[in-house]
């Protein structure tokens, strides 16, 4: 019987495209820094605080546009867990274990440097995130020197990081709750689940309810971006049982429709609006501030130690195996790139601190930690040699194919 062909996921298309969105994000960050330290600085900062419909422009970007980003992230997480790289334990073991190390160690490093301050300790989650677009953008500059298996490893790890970040935001960065709005959000969520259970495949009803959900979540005190993830979890992946991999399923259609908008508009706008930090009056002593130091060292030291250490342990214990055609040095180089925490780290920093001075320290720490991680990671990967496929170490597949009947993962 001929093998079924599946439509490539957005993740795979991103890998094959050279991660152009990541390069655009880099450019937007550089432009923001230039504008914030030029004669245009006053206009830049004033524009971000212009009010529209009760919210200033920065809030519309961080609460509105970023909800679209989180919707896309949620779709990708659901897709990968049900139909992609995270669908089986044998595939998800290494990136999931490495991601756990990459969350725990940076958080501990930040906390150890801020243990004396209750206010600054709120930022412990800032260095735990990896920016998938930025990191893949760096990898794209290295071309074929980096095996595809490591690109998949990095992208999958970043997706798990995003999932953890969503949970952290929901649990630790929620303001005082508006019970009435929260009840409304729960009702909207149940209606979305009902649409899924009734096998509704038109996107319009989901999007209309999703917009109402976004507004209710915004009013409830929970960060509005969580609405994007909730909506994503209710979008059906399968169009019908007769065609379980039908590319016309609602999730496929929405994911592919959002992809260019997120990569080339939403994320670059967020980067431009939030990366701008004025260095006027700032002295080198800012680098020694607990928040700046905690974020920078958490991203640079914590990520590489946590990701590589956890991956090394998993491979040595034969819970997972080294990615195909990759060397230990290349795996370490990719672990360095995991210290690029730009988008999500900045976002968590804005939720953790309301004080403008602390937000600036976060931005400096994120920029320094991400830049050093990117430069050293790229340098190491450019020098590392690919491992010959014949020497690939293997580990037993802990989820035998014979025990996984075809279509067994066909869930909504």
Protein backbone atom coordinates (compact mmCIF):
# COMPACT_ATOMS: atom_id res chain seq x y z
CA UNK A 1 0.00 0.00 0.00
CA UNK A 2 1.49 3.39 -0.95
CA UNK A 3 2.62 5.57 1.90
CA UNK A 4 0.48 8.56 2.75
CA UNK A 5 2.01 11.95 2.08
CA UNK A 6 1.39 14.64 4.64
CA UNK A 7 1.35 18.36 4.07
CA UNK A 8 4.53 19.79 5.64
CA UNK A 9 3.94 21.67 8.87
CA UNK A 10 4.62 25.37 9.19
CA UNK A 11 7.57 24.40 11.37
CA UNK A 12 9.14 22.46 8.50
CA UNK A 13 8.41 25.27 6.05
CA UNK A 14 10.07 27.71 8.44
CA UNK A 15 13.17 25.52 8.58
CA UNK A 16 13.29 25.22 4.80
CA UNK A 17 12.68 28.94 4.22
CA UNK A 18 15.91 30.04 5.86
CA UNK A 19 14.02 31.61 8.78
CA UNK A 20 13.65 34.95 7.04
CA UNK A 21 11.32 36.08 9.81
CA UNK A 22 14.13 35.71 12.34
CA UNK A 23 16.39 37.94 10.26
CA UNK A 24 13.64 40.55 10.06
CA UNK A 25 13.26 40.38 13.84
CA UNK A 26 16.97 41.05 14.24
CA UNK A 27 16.69 44.04 11.94
CA UNK A 28 13.69 45.43 13.87
CA UNK A 29 15.59 45.14 17.17
CA UNK A 30 18.61 46.97 15.76
CA UNK A 31 16.35 49.66 14.28
CA UNK A 32 14.57 50.12 17.63
CA UNK A 33 17.88 50.63 19.43
CA UNK A 34 19.00 53.12 16.78
CA UNK A 35 15.75 55.13 16.93
CA UNK A 36 15.65 55.11 20.75
CA UNK A 37 19.12 56.67 20.83
CA UNK A 38 18.70 59.20 18.04
CA UNK A 39 16.93 62.51 17.49
CA UNK A 40 13.78 60.45 16.81
CA UNK A 41 13.70 59.10 20.39
CA UNK A 42 11.03 61.46 21.74
CA UNK A 43 8.70 60.74 18.83
CA UNK A 44 9.30 56.98 19.22
CA UNK A 45 8.46 56.86 22.93
CA UNK A 46 5.56 59.32 22.65
CA UNK A 47 4.01 57.31 19.80
CA UNK A 48 4.10 54.12 21.91
CA UNK A 49 2.02 55.85 24.59
CA UNK A 50 -0.61 57.36 22.29
CA UNK A 51 -4.07 56.23 23.39
CA UNK A 52 -6.57 54.40 21.16
CA UNK A 53 -9.92 53.05 22.41
CA UNK A 54 -8.83 53.05 26.03
CA UNK A 55 -5.42 51.43 25.52
CA UNK A 56 -2.14 53.00 24.45
CA UNK A 57 -0.35 51.76 21.35
CA UNK A 58 2.14 49.68 23.36
CA UNK A 59 -0.70 47.86 25.11
CA UNK A 60 -2.46 47.18 21.80
CA UNK A 61 0.79 45.63 20.56
CA UNK A 62 1.54 43.62 23.70
CA UNK A 63 -2.03 42.59 24.54
CA UNK A 64 -3.57 42.54 21.06
CA UNK A 65 -1.01 41.68 18.40
CA UNK A 66 0.78 39.31 20.74
CA UNK A 67 -2.49 37.41 21.26
CA UNK A 68 -2.23 36.57 17.55
CA UNK A 69 1.35 35.42 18.15
CA UNK A 70 0.20 33.19 21.02
CA UNK A 71 -2.64 31.85 18.86
CA UNK A 72 -0.04 30.82 16.30
CA UNK A 73 2.21 29.34 18.99
CA UNK A 74 -0.75 27.40 20.40
CA UNK A 75 -1.62 26.02 16.97
CA UNK A 76 1.98 24.92 16.47
CA UNK A 77 2.11 23.27 19.91
CA UNK A 78 -1.11 21.35 19.24
CA UNK A 79 0.05 20.36 15.76
CA UNK A 80 3.41 19.10 16.96
CA UNK A 81 1.99 17.11 19.89
CA UNK A 82 -0.70 15.40 17.80
CA UNK A 83 0.85 15.18 14.36
CA UNK A 84 4.51 16.21 14.41
CA UNK A 85 7.86 16.06 16.17
CA UNK A 86 6.28 15.78 19.62
CA UNK A 87 3.77 13.07 18.69
CA UNK A 88 5.82 10.16 20.09
CA UNK A 89 8.03 9.85 23.15
CA UNK A 90 11.02 8.78 21.07
CA UNK A 91 10.85 12.08 19.18
CA UNK A 92 10.00 14.34 22.06
CA UNK A 93 12.34 12.87 24.71
CA UNK A 94 15.53 14.82 23.94
CA UNK A 95 14.03 18.29 23.28
CA UNK A 96 11.60 17.99 26.21
CA UNK A 97 14.28 16.94 28.67
CA UNK A 98 16.67 19.58 27.34
CA UNK A 99 13.92 22.22 27.57
CA UNK A 100 13.32 21.29 31.22
CA UNK A 101 16.99 21.87 31.97
CA UNK A 102 16.84 25.11 29.99
CA UNK A 103 14.01 26.38 32.19
CA UNK A 104 15.25 25.25 35.60
CA UNK A 105 18.90 26.33 35.49
CA UNK A 106 18.37 29.90 34.13
CA UNK A 107 15.59 30.44 36.67
CA UNK A 108 17.88 29.31 39.50
CA UNK A 109 20.72 31.56 38.33
CA UNK A 110 18.43 34.59 38.18
CA UNK A 111 16.88 33.77 41.57
CA UNK A 112 20.29 33.33 43.22
CA UNK A 113 21.26 36.85 42.12
CA UNK A 114 17.95 38.41 43.19
CA UNK A 115 17.13 36.40 46.29
CA UNK A 116 17.39 39.50 48.48
CA UNK A 117 14.75 41.51 46.62
CA UNK A 118 11.10 40.47 46.65
CA UNK A 119 10.27 42.81 43.77
CA UNK A 120 13.11 41.84 41.44
CA UNK A 121 12.66 38.14 42.23
CA UNK A 122 9.40 38.32 40.22
CA UNK A 123 11.53 38.25 37.08
CA UNK A 124 12.84 34.71 37.62
CA UNK A 125 11.09 33.44 34.46
CA UNK A 126 12.57 36.08 32.12
CA UNK A 127 15.70 34.08 31.10
CA UNK A 128 13.87 30.76 30.73
CA UNK A 129 12.57 31.34 27.18
CA UNK A 130 14.13 30.69 23.76
CA UNK A 131 13.18 32.84 20.77
CA UNK A 132 12.50 30.38 17.94
CA UNK A 133 12.51 32.98 15.14
CA UNK A 134 15.71 34.68 16.28
CA UNK A 135 17.56 31.40 16.92
CA UNK A 136 16.53 29.86 13.60
CA UNK A 137 17.50 33.10 11.90
CA UNK A 138 21.04 32.66 13.23
CA UNK A 139 21.07 29.01 12.12
CA UNK A 140 19.94 30.04 8.64
CA UNK A 141 23.10 32.13 8.26
CA UNK A 142 25.19 28.98 8.79
CA UNK A 143 23.49 27.11 5.93
CA UNK A 144 24.27 23.39 5.48
CA UNK A 145 27.02 23.44 8.13
CA UNK A 146 24.31 22.60 10.68
CA UNK A 147 22.43 19.30 10.15
CA UNK A 148 18.66 19.50 9.81
CA UNK A 149 18.25 17.25 12.86
CA UNK A 150 19.69 20.00 15.06
CA UNK A 151 17.40 22.62 13.52
CA UNK A 152 14.43 20.38 14.32
CA UNK A 153 15.81 19.85 17.85
CA UNK A 154 16.13 23.61 18.41
CA UNK A 155 12.70 24.42 17.00
CA UNK A 156 11.03 21.65 19.01
CA UNK A 157 12.80 22.73 22.20
CA UNK A 158 11.68 26.33 21.61
CA UNK A 159 8.08 25.17 21.17
CA UNK A 160 8.24 23.35 24.53
CA UNK A 161 9.77 26.51 26.02
CA UNK A 162 6.82 28.50 24.70
CA UNK A 163 4.40 26.04 26.28
CA UNK A 164 6.15 26.44 29.64
CA UNK A 165 6.12 30.23 29.21
CA UNK A 166 2.36 30.19 28.60
CA UNK A 167 1.82 28.22 31.82
CA UNK A 168 4.17 30.51 33.76
CA UNK A 169 2.34 33.63 32.53
CA UNK A 170 -1.05 32.16 33.45
CA UNK A 171 0.05 31.06 36.94
CA UNK A 172 2.58 33.67 38.10
CA UNK A 173 1.78 36.86 36.20
CA UNK A 174 -1.97 37.19 36.67
CA UNK A 175 -3.29 40.41 38.22
CA UNK A 176 -6.34 40.71 40.48
CA UNK A 177 -9.20 38.76 38.99
CA UNK A 178 -12.51 40.17 37.77
CA UNK A 179 -14.78 37.24 38.57
CA UNK A 180 -17.61 38.25 36.23
CA UNK A 181 -15.27 38.60 33.23
CA UNK A 182 -13.55 35.33 34.17
CA UNK A 183 -16.89 33.50 34.22
CA UNK A 184 -17.66 34.97 30.80
CA UNK A 185 -14.28 33.76 29.53
CA UNK A 186 -15.00 30.25 30.82
CA UNK A 187 -18.38 30.25 29.05
CA UNK A 188 -16.76 31.41 25.80
CA UNK A 189 -14.15 28.67 26.15
CA UNK A 190 -16.85 26.02 26.68
CA UNK A 191 -18.67 27.25 23.57
CA UNK A 192 -15.43 26.88 21.60
CA UNK A 193 -15.02 23.33 22.91
CA UNK A 194 -18.63 22.68 21.89
CA UNK A 195 -17.90 23.80 18.33
CA UNK A 196 -14.96 21.40 18.26
CA UNK A 197 -17.05 18.49 19.56
CA UNK A 198 -19.76 19.20 16.99
CA UNK A 199 -17.09 18.90 14.26
CA UNK A 200 -17.61 22.46 13.05
CA UNK A 201 -14.93 23.08 10.43
CA UNK A 202 -15.70 26.69 9.45
CA UNK A 203 -13.21 29.05 11.04
CA UNK A 204 -15.54 32.04 11.31
CA UNK A 205 -17.46 30.85 14.43
CA UNK A 206 -14.19 30.05 16.23
CA UNK A 207 -12.69 33.44 15.40
CA UNK A 208 -15.79 35.40 16.46
CA UNK A 209 -15.92 33.57 19.78
CA UNK A 210 -12.15 33.91 20.05
CA UNK A 211 -12.40 37.69 19.77
CA UNK A 212 -15.02 37.73 22.55
CA UNK A 213 -12.79 35.46 24.61
CA UNK A 214 -9.83 37.82 24.14
CA UNK A 215 -11.83 40.78 25.42
CA UNK A 216 -13.20 38.85 28.42
CA UNK A 217 -9.74 37.54 29.36
CA UNK A 218 -8.31 41.07 29.05
CA UNK A 219 -11.03 42.34 31.43
CA UNK A 220 -10.58 39.38 33.83
CA UNK A 221 -7.05 40.30 34.92
CA UNK A 222 -5.44 37.26 33.27
CA UNK A 223 -3.11 38.36 30.51
CA UNK A 224 -5.05 38.62 27.25
CA UNK A 225 -2.53 36.57 25.26
CA UNK A 226 -3.70 33.43 27.09
CA UNK A 227 -6.92 33.73 25.05
CA UNK A 228 -4.91 33.01 21.91
CA UNK A 229 -3.65 29.73 23.34
CA UNK A 230 -7.10 28.67 24.56
CA UNK A 231 -8.57 29.40 21.13
CA UNK A 232 -5.77 27.42 19.44
CA UNK A 233 -6.44 24.34 21.57
CA UNK A 234 -10.06 24.24 20.36
CA UNK A 235 -9.36 24.54 16.61
CA UNK A 236 -9.84 21.05 15.08
CA UNK A 237 -6.74 19.48 13.59
CA UNK A 238 -8.64 16.89 11.56
CA UNK A 239 -11.23 17.74 8.92
CA UNK A 240 -12.81 14.27 8.90
CA UNK A 241 -12.12 10.66 9.83
CA UNK A 242 -12.07 9.78 6.15
CA UNK A 243 -9.15 12.15 5.58
CA UNK A 244 -7.26 12.44 8.89
CA UNK A 245 -4.37 14.36 7.33
CA UNK A 246 -6.51 16.63 5.15
CA UNK A 247 -4.63 19.90 4.69
CA UNK A 248 -7.96 21.72 4.58
CA UNK A 249 -8.64 21.08 8.26
CA UNK A 250 -9.29 24.26 10.28
CA UNK A 251 -6.00 24.12 12.15
CA UNK A 252 -3.96 23.70 8.96
CA UNK A 253 -5.76 26.55 7.24
CA UNK A 254 -5.49 28.97 10.16
CA UNK A 255 -1.87 28.06 10.89
CA UNK A 256 -0.75 28.64 7.32
CA UNK A 257 -2.82 31.82 6.99
CA UNK A 258 -1.26 33.30 10.14
CA UNK A 259 2.33 32.24 9.42
CA UNK A 260 3.44 35.15 7.19
CA UNK A 261 1.58 37.73 9.28
CA UNK A 262 3.21 36.53 12.51
CA UNK A 263 6.70 36.19 11.03
CA UNK A 264 6.76 39.38 9.01
CA UNK A 265 4.45 41.74 10.88
CA UNK A 266 3.45 40.78 14.45
CA UNK A 267 6.83 39.71 15.83
CA UNK A 268 8.89 42.47 14.11
CA UNK A 269 6.43 45.12 15.35
CA UNK A 270 6.69 43.70 18.87
CA UNK A 271 10.49 43.72 18.61
CA UNK A 272 10.55 47.30 17.35
CA UNK A 273 8.15 48.50 20.06
CA UNK A 274 9.88 46.75 22.96
CA UNK A 275 13.59 46.51 22.14
CA UNK A 276 14.10 50.26 22.11
CA UNK A 277 16.01 51.29 25.22
CA UNK A 278 17.64 54.69 25.58
CA UNK A 279 21.22 54.60 26.82
CA UNK A 280 21.13 58.31 27.63
CA UNK A 281 22.29 58.76 31.22
CA UNK A 282 22.89 55.03 31.57
CA UNK A 283 26.28 54.03 32.98
CA UNK A 284 28.13 50.71 32.68
CA UNK A 285 27.07 50.04 36.28
CA UNK A 286 23.67 48.96 34.93
CA UNK A 287 25.34 45.72 33.84
CA UNK A 288 26.02 44.91 37.51
CA UNK A 289 22.41 45.43 38.60
CA UNK A 290 20.86 42.18 39.91
CA UNK A 291 18.10 42.17 37.28
CA UNK A 292 20.43 42.87 34.35
CA UNK A 293 23.01 40.38 35.58
CA UNK A 294 20.40 37.74 36.40
CA UNK A 295 18.79 37.97 32.96
CA UNK A 296 22.07 38.11 31.01
CA UNK A 297 23.75 35.26 32.91
CA UNK A 298 20.51 33.27 33.01
CA UNK A 299 20.27 33.39 29.23
CA UNK A 300 23.95 32.94 28.44
CA UNK A 301 25.18 30.61 31.19
CA UNK A 302 21.91 29.09 32.39
CA UNK A 303 20.57 28.10 28.99
CA UNK A 304 23.74 26.43 27.74
CA UNK A 305 24.33 24.60 31.03
CA UNK A 306 20.70 23.57 31.44
CA UNK A 307 20.03 22.51 27.84
CA UNK A 308 23.33 20.78 27.15
CA UNK A 309 23.59 19.25 30.64
CA UNK A 310 20.10 17.76 30.49
CA UNK A 311 20.61 16.55 26.91
CA UNK A 312 23.98 14.99 27.77
CA UNK A 313 22.47 13.17 30.75
CA UNK A 314 19.49 11.91 28.71
CA UNK A 315 21.76 10.59 25.95
CA UNK A 316 24.20 8.96 28.38
CA UNK A 317 21.33 7.26 30.19
CA UNK A 318 20.01 6.12 26.77
CA UNK A 319 16.68 7.80 27.34
CA UNK A 320 17.32 9.65 24.07
CA UNK A 321 19.92 9.68 21.32
CA UNK A 322 22.20 12.28 19.75
CA UNK A 323 20.51 13.96 16.74
CA UNK A 324 21.36 12.37 13.40
CA UNK A 325 24.67 13.53 11.84
CA UNK A 326 25.28 15.90 14.74
CA UNK A 327 28.39 15.99 16.93
CA UNK A 328 28.57 16.79 20.64
CA UNK A 329 30.23 20.10 19.77
CA UNK A 330 27.37 21.02 17.45
CA UNK A 331 24.82 20.10 20.12
CA UNK A 332 26.68 22.40 22.51
CA UNK A 333 26.66 25.17 19.90
CA UNK A 334 22.87 24.86 19.54
CA UNK A 335 22.59 24.90 23.34
CA UNK A 336 24.35 28.26 23.24
CA UNK A 337 21.80 29.54 20.71
CA UNK A 338 19.04 28.61 23.17
CA UNK A 339 20.26 31.62 25.16
CA UNK A 340 18.61 33.88 22.56
CA UNK A 341 15.50 34.73 24.53
CA UNK A 342 14.46 37.92 22.80
CA UNK A 343 10.69 38.00 22.15
CA UNK A 344 9.32 35.92 25.02
CA UNK A 345 11.93 37.17 27.53
CA UNK A 346 11.05 40.80 26.80
CA UNK A 347 7.37 39.93 27.03
CA UNK A 348 7.70 38.23 30.43
CA UNK A 349 9.84 41.15 31.63
CA UNK A 350 7.02 43.59 30.82
CA UNK A 351 4.60 41.43 32.83
CA UNK A 352 6.99 41.03 35.76
CA UNK A 353 7.84 44.71 36.25
CA UNK A 354 5.85 47.93 35.97
CA UNK A 355 8.79 50.13 36.96
CA UNK A 356 10.39 51.69 33.85
CA UNK A 357 13.91 51.45 35.28
CA UNK A 358 13.54 47.71 35.94
CA UNK A 359 12.10 47.22 32.46
CA UNK A 360 15.17 48.93 31.00
CA UNK A 361 17.42 46.63 33.05
CA UNK A 362 15.50 43.65 31.64
CA UNK A 363 15.97 44.94 28.10
CA UNK A 364 19.71 45.44 28.60
CA UNK A 365 20.05 41.98 30.13
CA UNK A 366 18.05 40.34 27.32
CA UNK A 367 20.04 42.16 24.62
CA UNK A 368 23.41 41.33 26.18
CA UNK A 369 22.58 37.70 26.98
CA UNK A 370 20.97 37.07 23.60
CA UNK A 371 23.72 38.81 21.63
CA UNK A 372 26.57 36.94 23.34
CA UNK A 373 24.71 33.63 23.01
CA UNK A 374 24.07 34.28 19.31
CA UNK A 375 27.64 35.30 18.49
CA UNK A 376 29.38 32.49 20.40
CA UNK A 377 26.86 29.88 19.30
CA UNK A 378 27.20 30.86 15.64
CA UNK A 379 31.02 30.96 15.89
CA UNK A 380 31.16 27.50 17.47
CA UNK A 381 28.76 25.98 14.94
CA UNK A 382 30.67 27.51 12.03
CA UNK A 383 33.85 25.78 13.23
CA UNK A 384 32.33 22.45 14.26
CA UNK A 385 32.41 19.57 11.81
CA UNK A 386 29.41 17.43 10.96
CA UNK A 387 29.44 13.90 12.33
CA UNK A 388 29.33 11.18 9.70
CA UNK A 389 25.96 9.39 9.62
CA UNK A 390 27.72 6.03 9.88
CA UNK A 391 28.84 6.94 13.37
CA UNK A 392 25.44 7.99 14.65
CA UNK A 393 24.76 6.56 18.09
CA UNK A 394 21.41 4.90 18.40
CA UNK A 395 19.10 4.45 21.32
CA UNK A 396 16.12 2.15 21.49
CA UNK A 397 12.80 3.60 20.34
CA UNK A 398 10.80 3.60 23.53
CA UNK A 399 7.55 3.77 21.56
CA UNK A 400 7.62 0.82 19.11
CA UNK A 401 5.91 1.47 15.80
CA UNK A 402 4.23 -1.92 15.99
CA UNK A 403 2.34 -0.71 19.06
CA UNK A 404 1.13 2.47 17.38
CA UNK A 405 -1.63 1.65 14.90
CA UNK A 406 -2.06 4.03 12.00
CA UNK A 407 -4.35 6.90 12.86
CA UNK A 408 -4.11 6.24 16.59
CA UNK A 409 -3.19 9.90 17.17
CA UNK A 410 -6.16 11.25 15.22
CA UNK A 411 -7.60 13.57 17.85
CA UNK A 412 -8.94 17.09 17.74
